[in-house]
Amino acid sequence: MDIKYIIFDYSEIDKVNFDEVLETSIDSLRLSIDRTKTIIKWIGNTPSFINTITSKSVIYTNEDMINIMETAVWKNNTTYKDYQI
């Protein structure tokens, strides 16, 4: 399975079509420690809506993302749902 990832500004979350990515909803998104960035992942062709996300990173591989998750920006991060009261 060839999973692909991008990181982008959380402020653009309204552009995500959850039917085309592996996350099921806003509640399952990973957030950076400062809650300004998020990640989405998919398998296969890049979903077309990704072209509308202006803050998107390059496309990362699974190995890339494992290394990124170990950085201070993401270490011990949580999901959007964890921030709900």
C-alpha atoms as a PDB file:
ATOM      1  CA  MET A   1       0.000   0.000   0.000  1.00  0.00           C
ATOM      2  CA  ASP A   2       1.474   3.336  -1.086  1.00  0.00           C
ATOM      3  CA  ILE A   3       0.151   5.924   1.365  1.00  0.00           C
ATOM      4  CA  LYS A   4       0.838   9.583   0.554  1.00  0.00           C
ATOM      5  CA  TYR A   5       0.635  12.538   2.933  1.00  0.00           C
ATOM      6  CA  ILE A   6       0.575  16.324   2.945  1.00  0.00           C
ATOM      7  CA  ILE A   7       0.815  18.848   5.742  1.00  0.00           C
ATOM      8  CA  PHE A   8      -1.125  22.092   5.463  1.00  0.00           C
ATOM      9  CA  ASP A   9      -2.550  24.978   7.476  1.00  0.00           C
ATOM     10  CA  TYR A  10      -5.542  23.965   9.553  1.00  0.00           C
ATOM     11  CA  SER A  11      -7.293  27.137   8.392  1.00  0.00           C
ATOM     12  CA  GLU A  12      -7.849  25.428   5.014  1.00  0.00           C
ATOM     13  CA  ILE A  13      -9.616  22.375   6.434  1.00  0.00           C
ATOM     14  CA  ASP A  14     -12.885  23.366   4.746  1.00  0.00           C
ATOM     15  CA  LYS A  15     -11.281  22.413   1.397  1.00  0.00           C
ATOM     16  CA  VAL A  16     -10.867  18.740   2.351  1.00  0.00           C
ATOM     17  CA  ASN A  17     -13.210  16.156   0.850  1.00  0.00           C
ATOM     18  CA  PHE A  18     -13.165  13.418   3.478  1.00  0.00           C
ATOM     19  CA  ASP A  19     -14.589  10.946   0.962  1.00  0.00           C
ATOM     20  CA  GLU A  20     -11.233  11.031  -0.863  1.00  0.00           C
ATOM     21  CA  VAL A  21      -8.785  10.636   2.034  1.00  0.00           C
ATOM     22  CA  LEU A  22      -8.163   8.087   4.776  1.00  0.00           C
ATOM     23  CA  GLU A  23      -9.275  10.388   7.595  1.00  0.00           C
ATOM     24  CA  THR A  24     -12.983  10.028   8.233  1.00  0.00           C
ATOM     25  CA  SER A  25     -13.793  13.501   9.562  1.00  0.00           C
ATOM     26  CA  ILE A  26     -12.365  16.613  11.166  1.00  0.00           C
ATOM     27  CA  ASP A  27     -12.303  14.680  14.463  1.00  0.00           C
ATOM     28  CA  SER A  28      -9.693  12.241  13.158  1.00  0.00           C
ATOM     29  CA  LEU A  29      -7.192  14.854  11.941  1.00  0.00           C
ATOM     30  CA  ARG A  30      -3.771  15.074  13.528  1.00  0.00           C
ATOM     31  CA  LEU A  31      -2.839  18.561  14.678  1.00  0.00           C
ATOM     32  CA  SER A  32       0.564  20.081  15.279  1.00  0.00           C
ATOM     33  CA  ILE A  33       1.437  21.017  18.847  1.00  0.00           C
ATOM     34  CA  ASP A  34       0.454  24.653  18.187  1.00  0.00           C
ATOM     35  CA  ARG A  35      -2.736  23.493  16.384  1.00  0.00           C
ATOM     36  CA  THR A  36      -1.955  25.446  13.201  1.00  0.00           C
ATOM     37  CA  LYS A  37      -1.074  22.495  10.924  1.00  0.00           C
ATOM     38  CA  THR A  38      -2.766  19.240  10.051  1.00  0.00           C
ATOM     39  CA  ILE A  39      -2.100  16.166   7.937  1.00  0.00           C
ATOM     40  CA  ILE A  40      -4.162  14.173   5.482  1.00  0.00           C
ATOM     41  CA  LYS A  41      -3.297  10.912   3.780  1.00  0.00           C
ATOM     42  CA  TRP A  42      -4.561   8.925   0.821  1.00  0.00           C
ATOM     43  CA  ILE A  43      -3.793   5.940  -1.346  1.00  0.00           C
ATOM     44  CA  GLY A  44      -3.442   6.103  -5.114  1.00  0.00           C
ATOM     45  CA  ASN A  45      -3.969   9.203  -7.221  1.00  0.00           C
ATOM     46  CA  THR A  46      -3.795  12.585  -5.545  1.00  0.00           C
ATOM     47  CA  PRO A  47      -7.324  13.870  -4.857  1.00  0.00           C
ATOM     48  CA  SER A  48      -8.133  16.898  -7.022  1.00  0.00           C
ATOM     49  CA  PHE A  49      -9.185  19.090  -4.074  1.00  0.00           C
ATOM     50  CA  ILE A  50      -5.560  19.103  -2.886  1.00  0.00           C
ATOM     51  CA  ASN A  51      -4.755  21.539  -5.696  1.00  0.00           C
ATOM     52  CA  THR A  52      -6.969  24.117  -3.941  1.00  0.00           C
ATOM     53  CA  ILE A  53      -4.959  23.975  -0.703  1.00  0.00           C
ATOM     54  CA  THR A  54      -2.478  26.825  -1.003  1.00  0.00           C
ATOM     55  CA  SER A  55      -0.468  26.022   2.130  1.00  0.00           C
ATOM     56  CA  LYS A  56       0.167  22.373   1.251  1.00  0.00           C
ATOM     57  CA  SER A  57       3.570  20.810   1.631  1.00  0.00           C
ATOM     58  CA  VAL A  58       5.215  18.493  -0.818  1.00  0.00           C
ATOM     59  CA  ILE A  59       3.783  14.984  -0.917  1.00  0.00           C
ATOM     60  CA  TYR A  60       5.441  12.803   1.717  1.00  0.00           C
ATOM     61  CA  THR A  61       5.903   9.047   1.923  1.00  0.00           C
ATOM     62  CA  ASN A  62       5.135   6.957   4.982  1.00  0.00           C
ATOM     63  CA  GLU A  63       8.828   6.899   5.913  1.00  0.00           C
ATOM     64  CA  ASP A  64       9.017  10.697   5.601  1.00  0.00           C
ATOM     65  CA  MET A  65       5.971  11.125   7.822  1.00  0.00           C
ATOM     66  CA  ILE A  66       7.315   8.816  10.525  1.00  0.00           C
ATOM     67  CA  ASN A  67      10.398  11.046  10.743  1.00  0.00           C
ATOM     68  CA  ILE A  68       8.323  14.235  10.731  1.00  0.00           C
ATOM     69  CA  MET A  69       6.106  12.943  13.559  1.00  0.00           C
ATOM     70  CA  GLU A  70       9.225  12.642  15.724  1.00  0.00           C
ATOM     71  CA  THR A  71      10.002  16.372  15.486  1.00  0.00           C
ATOM     72  CA  ALA A  72       9.100  18.885  18.195  1.00  0.00           C
ATOM     73  CA  VAL A  73       6.330  20.353  16.028  1.00  0.00           C
ATOM     74  CA  TRP A  74       4.402  17.061  16.097  1.00  0.00           C
ATOM     75  CA  LYS A  75       5.740  14.931  18.972  1.00  0.00           C
ATOM     76  CA  ASN A  76       2.987  13.971  21.402  1.00  0.00           C
ATOM     77  CA  ASN A  77       0.399  15.571  19.163  1.00  0.00           C
ATOM     78  CA  THR A  78      -3.274  14.801  19.409  1.00  0.00           C
ATOM     79  CA  THR A  79      -6.309  14.791  17.187  1.00  0.00           C
ATOM     80  CA  TYR A  80      -8.821  17.553  16.675  1.00  0.00           C
ATOM     81  CA  LYS A  81     -11.345  15.640  18.763  1.00  0.00           C
ATOM     82  CA  ASP A  82      -8.986  15.748  21.764  1.00  0.00           C
ATOM     83  CA  TYR A  83      -9.324  19.540  21.836  1.00  0.00           C
ATOM     84  CA  GLN A  84     -13.116  19.515  22.067  1.00  0.00           C
ATOM     85  CA  ILE A  85     -14.751  20.370  25.385  1.00  0.00           C
END
